[in-house]
């Protein structure tokens, strides 16, 4: 097996190999890739509150029973087939984009978030829609709205972890009120 090995001079200032940011900067300089922490403070705070909410909710027997019923309903063949096809489609698109150089491993987290939130919601909307004429246009515009908001919230500046731990439930409450208000016909 032959490998192409080449030498090049990397112009980087003095780096301390014991400091995290300097190690990341050295990786960027040598490998030409962006190395990020796997999770930012907002994602850590969201996971924390999700786990707290889930643990609190599952303490009640009736909620556990309902959760198991939802899980059994999700495990139906048609639903699992739809999910599998969406995952397969996403993998095929990622593979194609990687082959032409438009997708990198650094986008894996964003791809998983897109698959779990946007792609699955789009698939459900297609399946449950009564309006066959304009469904594609509606789903496409809603997807772009969701992508823009989601990417803005996930990838922009994040605050310190204590601040995020306070902001995440407040923003979740505001989002829930907005969903309820937009679905209520009286509003």
Protein backbone atom coordinates (compact mmCIF):
# COMPACT_ATOMS: atom_id res chain seq x y z
CA UNK A 1 0.00 0.00 0.00
CA UNK A 2 1.48 3.34 -1.06
CA UNK A 3 0.85 6.55 0.77
CA UNK A 4 1.54 10.05 -0.48
CA UNK A 5 3.41 11.91 2.21
CA UNK A 6 4.25 15.57 1.84
CA UNK A 7 5.84 18.12 4.10
CA UNK A 8 4.69 21.69 4.47
CA UNK A 9 5.45 24.56 6.78
CA UNK A 10 2.62 25.61 9.07
CA UNK A 11 2.75 29.19 10.28
CA UNK A 12 1.20 29.26 13.74
CA UNK A 13 2.33 31.28 16.70
CA UNK A 14 3.59 29.74 19.92
CA UNK A 15 1.12 27.15 21.21
CA UNK A 16 0.96 25.53 24.63
CA UNK A 17 0.33 21.80 24.11
CA UNK A 18 -1.28 21.58 27.53
CA UNK A 19 -4.12 24.00 26.82
CA UNK A 20 -7.31 22.86 25.10
CA UNK A 21 -7.75 25.88 22.80
CA UNK A 22 -4.12 25.72 21.69
CA UNK A 23 -4.46 22.01 20.87
CA UNK A 24 -7.59 22.75 18.83
CA UNK A 25 -5.80 25.59 17.04
CA UNK A 26 -2.88 23.27 16.22
CA UNK A 27 -5.30 20.69 14.80
CA UNK A 28 -6.94 23.38 12.66
CA UNK A 29 -3.58 24.53 11.38
CA UNK A 30 -2.16 21.09 10.62
CA UNK A 31 -5.23 19.26 9.38
CA UNK A 32 -7.19 22.16 7.95
CA UNK A 33 -10.37 21.10 9.73
CA UNK A 34 -12.52 22.71 12.33
CA UNK A 35 -12.46 20.72 15.54
CA UNK A 36 -15.27 21.63 17.91
CA UNK A 37 -16.48 20.36 21.21
CA UNK A 38 -19.18 17.80 20.54
CA UNK A 39 -21.83 19.69 22.52
CA UNK A 40 -22.22 23.36 23.32
CA UNK A 41 -23.69 24.72 26.56
CA UNK A 42 -27.18 25.08 25.07
CA UNK A 43 -27.25 21.45 24.02
CA UNK A 44 -25.99 20.34 27.43
CA UNK A 45 -28.66 22.46 29.16
CA UNK A 46 -31.37 21.12 26.83
CA UNK A 47 -30.31 17.52 27.50
CA UNK A 48 -30.26 18.22 31.25
CA UNK A 49 -33.79 19.64 31.29
CA UNK A 50 -35.06 16.87 28.99
CA UNK A 51 -33.70 14.21 31.36
CA UNK A 52 -35.13 16.02 34.41
CA UNK A 53 -38.55 16.33 32.72
CA UNK A 54 -38.50 12.70 31.57
CA UNK A 55 -37.48 11.43 35.02
CA UNK A 56 -40.19 13.54 36.68
CA UNK A 57 -42.85 12.47 34.18
CA UNK A 58 -41.99 8.76 34.30
CA UNK A 59 -42.37 8.70 38.08
CA UNK A 60 -46.15 8.68 37.59
CA UNK A 61 -47.70 5.33 36.69
CA UNK A 62 -50.31 6.71 34.29
CA UNK A 63 -47.66 8.63 32.33
CA UNK A 64 -45.45 5.52 32.20
CA UNK A 65 -48.39 3.54 30.87
CA UNK A 66 -49.13 6.19 28.22
CA UNK A 67 -45.46 6.37 27.28
CA UNK A 68 -45.34 2.60 26.76
CA UNK A 69 -48.49 2.78 24.61
CA UNK A 70 -46.88 5.46 22.44
CA UNK A 71 -43.72 3.37 22.20
CA UNK A 72 -45.73 0.30 21.14
CA UNK A 73 -47.58 2.38 18.54
CA UNK A 74 -44.28 3.71 17.20
CA UNK A 75 -42.95 0.17 16.81
CA UNK A 76 -45.59 -0.73 14.23
CA UNK A 77 -44.17 -2.07 10.96
CA UNK A 78 -45.44 0.78 8.74
CA UNK A 79 -44.03 3.46 11.02
CA UNK A 80 -40.68 1.72 11.44
CA UNK A 81 -40.50 1.21 7.66
CA UNK A 82 -41.14 4.92 7.09
CA UNK A 83 -38.47 5.87 9.63
CA UNK A 84 -36.02 3.40 8.10
CA UNK A 85 -36.65 4.81 4.61
CA UNK A 86 -36.10 8.36 5.88
CA UNK A 87 -32.83 7.34 7.56
CA UNK A 88 -31.74 5.47 4.43
CA UNK A 89 -32.59 8.52 2.28
CA UNK A 90 -30.62 10.79 4.60
CA UNK A 91 -27.62 8.43 4.54
CA UNK A 92 -27.74 8.33 0.74
CA UNK A 93 -27.83 12.13 0.50
CA UNK A 94 -24.99 12.46 3.04
CA UNK A 95 -22.94 9.91 1.10
CA UNK A 96 -23.53 11.79 -2.16
CA UNK A 97 -22.67 15.15 -0.60
CA UNK A 98 -19.54 13.67 0.99
CA UNK A 99 -18.47 12.25 -2.37
CA UNK A 100 -18.62 15.69 -3.98
CA UNK A 101 -17.00 17.38 -0.98
CA UNK A 102 -20.03 19.22 0.41
CA UNK A 103 -20.42 17.20 3.62
CA UNK A 104 -17.82 16.62 6.33
CA UNK A 105 -17.83 14.68 9.58
CA UNK A 106 -17.99 17.98 11.44
CA UNK A 107 -21.60 18.24 10.16
CA UNK A 108 -22.65 14.94 11.75
CA UNK A 109 -24.33 16.51 14.79
CA UNK A 110 -26.27 18.97 12.61
CA UNK A 111 -27.30 16.13 10.29
CA UNK A 112 -28.60 14.05 13.19
CA UNK A 113 -30.53 17.04 14.57
CA UNK A 114 -32.00 17.68 11.12
CA UNK A 115 -32.98 14.02 10.74
CA UNK A 116 -34.60 13.76 14.17
CA UNK A 117 -36.44 17.08 14.06
CA UNK A 118 -37.01 18.32 10.55
CA UNK A 119 -36.97 15.18 8.41
CA UNK A 120 -39.23 13.20 10.71
CA UNK A 121 -41.68 16.12 11.02
CA UNK A 122 -41.69 16.50 7.24
CA UNK A 123 -42.37 12.78 6.81
CA UNK A 124 -45.23 12.85 9.32
CA UNK A 125 -46.72 15.89 7.61
CA UNK A 126 -46.63 14.14 4.24
CA UNK A 127 -48.30 11.04 5.67
CA UNK A 128 -51.05 12.83 7.60
CA UNK A 129 -51.87 15.60 5.13
CA UNK A 130 -55.38 15.89 3.68
CA UNK A 131 -54.41 18.60 1.16
CA UNK A 132 -52.61 16.70 -1.60
CA UNK A 133 -52.34 19.70 -3.94
CA UNK A 134 -50.14 22.09 -1.97
CA UNK A 135 -48.54 19.71 0.52
CA UNK A 136 -45.10 19.77 -1.05
CA UNK A 137 -44.95 23.57 -1.10
CA UNK A 138 -46.23 23.81 2.49
CA UNK A 139 -43.80 21.20 3.79
CA UNK A 140 -40.90 22.80 1.94
CA UNK A 141 -41.60 26.30 3.27
CA UNK A 142 -42.16 24.98 6.81
CA UNK A 143 -38.93 23.00 6.55
CA UNK A 144 -36.94 26.07 5.60
CA UNK A 145 -38.50 28.03 8.47
CA UNK A 146 -37.66 25.22 10.88
CA UNK A 147 -34.13 24.82 9.54
CA UNK A 148 -33.38 28.53 9.78
CA UNK A 149 -34.69 28.86 13.33
CA UNK A 150 -33.11 25.60 14.49
CA UNK A 151 -29.70 26.32 12.99
CA UNK A 152 -29.77 29.87 14.37
CA UNK A 153 -30.62 28.64 17.87
CA UNK A 154 -28.17 25.73 17.86
CA UNK A 155 -25.17 27.28 16.14
CA UNK A 156 -25.07 30.91 17.22
CA UNK A 157 -23.44 32.28 20.31
CA UNK A 158 -24.17 30.31 23.44
CA UNK A 159 -24.00 31.62 26.97
CA UNK A 160 -22.36 30.05 29.99
CA UNK A 161 -23.89 26.81 31.24
CA UNK A 162 -25.68 28.37 34.25
CA UNK A 163 -27.23 31.01 31.97
CA UNK A 164 -28.29 28.35 29.46
CA UNK A 165 -29.81 26.29 32.30
CA UNK A 166 -32.06 29.28 33.07
CA UNK A 167 -32.78 30.29 29.45
CA UNK A 168 -33.66 26.87 28.02
CA UNK A 169 -36.84 26.27 30.08
CA UNK A 170 -37.97 29.86 29.53
CA UNK A 171 -37.52 29.54 25.76
CA UNK A 172 -39.22 26.14 25.80
CA UNK A 173 -42.20 27.64 27.63
CA UNK A 174 -42.42 30.50 25.11
CA UNK A 175 -42.27 28.00 22.23
CA UNK A 176 -45.03 25.87 23.78
CA UNK A 177 -47.26 28.91 24.31
CA UNK A 178 -46.67 29.91 20.67
CA UNK A 179 -47.62 26.42 19.41
CA UNK A 180 -50.76 26.33 21.55
CA UNK A 181 -51.77 29.86 20.52
CA UNK A 182 -51.24 29.13 16.81
CA UNK A 183 -53.24 25.90 17.01
CA UNK A 184 -56.14 27.43 18.95
CA UNK A 185 -58.86 28.55 16.55
CA UNK A 186 -60.01 31.35 18.89
CA UNK A 187 -56.67 33.19 18.66
